[in-house]
Amino acid sequence: MKKLLLLLLLVPLTAFNGSGESDVYICTGKSSKRYHYNKNCRGLSNCKAEIKEVTLKEAKDKGRTLCGYED
């Protein structure tokens, strides 16, 4: 039980990098337009290029919008 409580307390901390920005995933393909909070999102399943972890700010600066499966 103590391990579960500790895990629940630590999980929210891992959703943010050191700068307070959350990390998201993008497909680096030329026609990609979305970002994803979950690396296993089905919106990334068709990505033929690299799946890259970036900050939410970086994704938005690249013109990416939230994947429709995750909103």
N, C-alpha and C. Protein backbone atom coordinates (compact mmCIF):
# COMPACT_ATOMS: atom_id res chain seq x y z
N MET A 1 0.82 -1.18 0.00
CA MET A 1 0.00 0.00 0.00
C MET A 1 0.87 1.26 0.00
N LYS A 2 1.96 1.24 0.77
CA LYS A 2 2.85 2.39 0.82
C LYS A 2 3.50 2.64 -0.53
N LYS A 3 3.83 1.55 -1.24
CA LYS A 3 4.44 1.69 -2.56
C LYS A 3 3.47 2.32 -3.55
N LEU A 4 2.21 1.95 -3.46
CA LEU A 4 1.19 2.51 -4.35
C LEU A 4 1.01 4.00 -4.07
N LEU A 5 0.97 4.37 -2.83
CA LEU A 5 0.83 5.78 -2.46
C LEU A 5 2.04 6.58 -2.95
N LEU A 6 3.22 6.05 -2.77
CA LEU A 6 4.43 6.72 -3.24
C LEU A 6 4.42 6.87 -4.75
N LEU A 7 3.99 5.84 -5.44
CA LEU A 7 3.91 5.88 -6.90
C LEU A 7 2.92 6.95 -7.34
N LEU A 8 1.78 7.03 -6.70
CA LEU A 8 0.78 8.04 -7.05
C LEU A 8 1.28 9.46 -6.81
N LEU A 9 2.14 9.62 -5.84
CA LEU A 9 2.70 10.94 -5.56
C LEU A 9 3.78 11.33 -6.57
N LEU A 10 4.52 10.35 -7.08
CA LEU A 10 5.62 10.62 -7.98
C LEU A 10 5.21 10.74 -9.45
N VAL A 11 4.14 10.09 -9.84
CA VAL A 11 3.72 10.10 -11.24
C VAL A 11 3.47 11.52 -11.76
N PRO A 12 2.75 12.38 -11.03
CA PRO A 12 2.56 13.74 -11.56
C PRO A 12 3.87 14.50 -11.74
N LEU A 13 4.86 14.19 -10.96
CA LEU A 13 6.15 14.88 -11.09
C LEU A 13 6.88 14.49 -12.36
N THR A 14 6.64 13.31 -12.88
CA THR A 14 7.33 12.87 -14.08
C THR A 14 6.69 13.41 -15.35
N ALA A 15 5.53 14.05 -15.24
CA ALA A 15 4.85 14.59 -16.42
C ALA A 15 5.44 15.93 -16.84
N PHE A 16 6.35 16.48 -16.05
CA PHE A 16 6.93 17.77 -16.36
C PHE A 16 8.45 17.68 -16.34
N ASN A 17 9.08 18.42 -17.25
CA ASN A 17 10.53 18.45 -17.22
C ASN A 17 10.97 19.53 -16.23
N GLY A 18 12.23 19.78 -16.11
CA GLY A 18 12.76 20.71 -15.13
C GLY A 18 12.27 22.14 -15.27
N SER A 19 11.85 22.55 -16.44
CA SER A 19 11.44 23.93 -16.65
C SER A 19 9.96 24.15 -16.37
N GLY A 20 9.24 23.11 -15.95
CA GLY A 20 7.82 23.24 -15.69
C GLY A 20 6.97 23.02 -16.93
N GLU A 21 7.60 22.79 -18.07
CA GLU A 21 6.87 22.51 -19.31
C GLU A 21 6.61 21.02 -19.39
N SER A 22 5.42 20.65 -19.82
CA SER A 22 5.14 19.23 -20.00
C SER A 22 5.76 18.75 -21.31
N ASP A 23 6.14 17.51 -21.33
CA ASP A 23 6.70 16.91 -22.53
C ASP A 23 5.58 16.27 -23.34
N VAL A 24 5.68 16.39 -24.64
CA VAL A 24 4.72 15.79 -25.56
C VAL A 24 5.50 15.07 -26.64
N TYR A 25 4.79 14.34 -27.48
CA TYR A 25 5.42 13.57 -28.55
C TYR A 25 4.92 14.06 -29.89
N ILE A 26 5.85 14.15 -30.84
CA ILE A 26 5.48 14.53 -32.19
C ILE A 26 6.12 13.55 -33.17
N CYS A 27 5.46 13.39 -34.31
CA CYS A 27 6.04 12.65 -35.41
C CYS A 27 6.82 13.65 -36.23
N THR A 28 8.03 13.32 -36.61
CA THR A 28 8.87 14.27 -37.35
C THR A 28 8.63 14.24 -38.85
N GLY A 29 7.63 13.50 -39.30
CA GLY A 29 7.29 13.45 -40.73
C GLY A 29 6.87 14.82 -41.26
N LYS A 30 7.07 15.05 -42.54
CA LYS A 30 6.80 16.34 -43.17
C LYS A 30 5.34 16.78 -43.06
N SER A 31 4.41 15.86 -43.09
CA SER A 31 3.00 16.23 -43.07
C SER A 31 2.37 16.18 -41.68
N SER A 32 3.17 15.92 -40.66
CA SER A 32 2.64 15.81 -39.30
C SER A 32 2.25 17.18 -38.76
N LYS A 33 1.09 17.22 -38.08
CA LYS A 33 0.55 18.49 -37.60
C LYS A 33 0.11 18.45 -36.15
N ARG A 34 0.24 17.33 -35.48
CA ARG A 34 -0.32 17.16 -34.13
C ARG A 34 0.75 16.83 -33.11
N TYR A 35 0.43 17.10 -31.84
CA TYR A 35 1.26 16.63 -30.74
C TYR A 35 0.42 15.71 -29.87
N HIS A 36 1.11 14.87 -29.10
CA HIS A 36 0.45 13.82 -28.33
C HIS A 36 1.04 13.77 -26.93
N TYR A 37 0.18 13.63 -25.92
CA TYR A 37 0.66 13.48 -24.55
C TYR A 37 1.14 12.06 -24.27
N ASN A 38 0.61 11.10 -25.00
CA ASN A 38 0.92 9.69 -24.79
C ASN A 38 1.71 9.16 -25.99
N LYS A 39 2.86 8.60 -25.74
CA LYS A 39 3.69 8.07 -26.84
C LYS A 39 3.00 6.92 -27.55
N ASN A 40 2.07 6.27 -26.90
CA ASN A 40 1.35 5.14 -27.49
C ASN A 40 0.00 5.55 -28.08
N CYS A 41 -0.22 6.84 -28.25
CA CYS A 41 -1.48 7.32 -28.82
C CYS A 41 -1.68 6.72 -30.20
N ARG A 42 -2.91 6.36 -30.52
CA ARG A 42 -3.15 5.74 -31.82
C ARG A 42 -2.96 6.74 -32.96
N GLY A 43 -2.96 8.03 -32.65
CA GLY A 43 -2.67 9.04 -33.66
C GLY A 43 -1.22 8.99 -34.14
N LEU A 44 -0.35 8.40 -33.35
CA LEU A 44 1.06 8.24 -33.74
C LEU A 44 1.32 6.91 -34.44
N SER A 45 0.33 6.06 -34.52
CA SER A 45 0.55 4.71 -35.05
C SER A 45 0.93 4.71 -36.52
N ASN A 46 0.57 5.73 -37.27
CA ASN A 46 0.91 5.79 -38.69
C ASN A 46 2.21 6.55 -38.97
N CYS A 47 2.89 6.98 -37.94
CA CYS A 47 4.12 7.74 -38.12
C CYS A 47 5.20 6.85 -38.72
N LYS A 48 5.69 7.24 -39.88
CA LYS A 48 6.75 6.48 -40.55
C LYS A 48 8.13 7.08 -40.26
N ALA A 49 8.14 8.27 -39.68
CA ALA A 49 9.40 8.93 -39.33
C ALA A 49 9.68 8.69 -37.84
N GLU A 50 10.55 9.47 -37.29
CA GLU A 50 10.92 9.35 -35.87
C GLU A 50 9.84 9.98 -34.99
N ILE A 51 9.56 9.37 -33.86
CA ILE A 51 8.70 9.97 -32.85
C ILE A 51 9.63 10.62 -31.84
N LYS A 52 9.46 11.93 -31.66
CA LYS A 52 10.39 12.71 -30.86
C LYS A 52 9.68 13.32 -29.66
N GLU A 53 10.35 13.33 -28.51
CA GLU A 53 9.81 13.95 -27.31
C GLU A 53 10.28 15.40 -27.28
N VAL A 54 9.35 16.34 -27.17
CA VAL A 54 9.67 17.77 -27.12
C VAL A 54 8.80 18.42 -26.05
N THR A 55 9.10 19.66 -25.72
CA THR A 55 8.24 20.37 -24.77
C THR A 55 6.97 20.82 -25.48
N LEU A 56 5.96 21.07 -24.72
CA LEU A 56 4.70 21.56 -25.27
C LEU A 56 4.92 22.87 -26.01
N LYS A 57 5.76 23.73 -25.48
CA LYS A 57 6.06 25.01 -26.13
C LYS A 57 6.70 24.79 -27.50
N GLU A 58 7.66 23.87 -27.57
CA GLU A 58 8.30 23.58 -28.86
C GLU A 58 7.29 23.06 -29.88
N ALA A 59 6.39 22.18 -29.44
CA ALA A 59 5.38 21.64 -30.35
C ALA A 59 4.47 22.74 -30.86
N LYS A 60 4.04 23.62 -29.96
CA LYS A 60 3.16 24.72 -30.38
C LYS A 60 3.90 25.71 -31.27
N ASP A 61 5.18 25.95 -30.98
CA ASP A 61 5.99 26.85 -31.82
C ASP A 61 6.14 26.30 -33.24
N LYS A 62 6.05 24.98 -33.38
CA LYS A 62 6.13 24.35 -34.70
C LYS A 62 4.76 24.32 -35.38
N GLY A 63 3.74 24.90 -34.73
CA GLY A 63 2.41 24.94 -35.31
C GLY A 63 1.58 23.70 -35.07
N ARG A 64 2.02 22.84 -34.15
CA ARG A 64 1.30 21.60 -33.88
C ARG A 64 0.10 21.89 -32.98
N THR A 65 -0.96 21.12 -33.15
CA THR A 65 -2.14 21.18 -32.31
C THR A 65 -2.36 19.82 -31.68
N LEU A 66 -3.19 19.79 -30.62
CA LEU A 66 -3.43 18.54 -29.89
C LEU A 66 -4.14 17.52 -30.77
N CYS A 67 -3.70 16.30 -30.69
CA CYS A 67 -4.31 15.19 -31.41
C CYS A 67 -5.78 15.04 -31.02
N GLY A 68 -6.62 14.77 -31.98
CA GLY A 68 -8.04 14.62 -31.73
C GLY A 68 -8.40 13.44 -30.86
N TYR A 69 -7.53 12.45 -30.77
CA TYR A 69 -7.80 11.30 -29.91
C TYR A 69 -7.55 11.62 -28.44
N GLU A 70 -6.88 12.73 -28.17
CA GLU A 70 -6.50 13.04 -26.79
C GLU A 70 -7.20 14.25 -26.21
N ASP A 71 -8.07 14.92 -26.96
CA ASP A 71 -8.71 16.11 -26.37
C ASP A 71 -9.97 15.79 -25.63
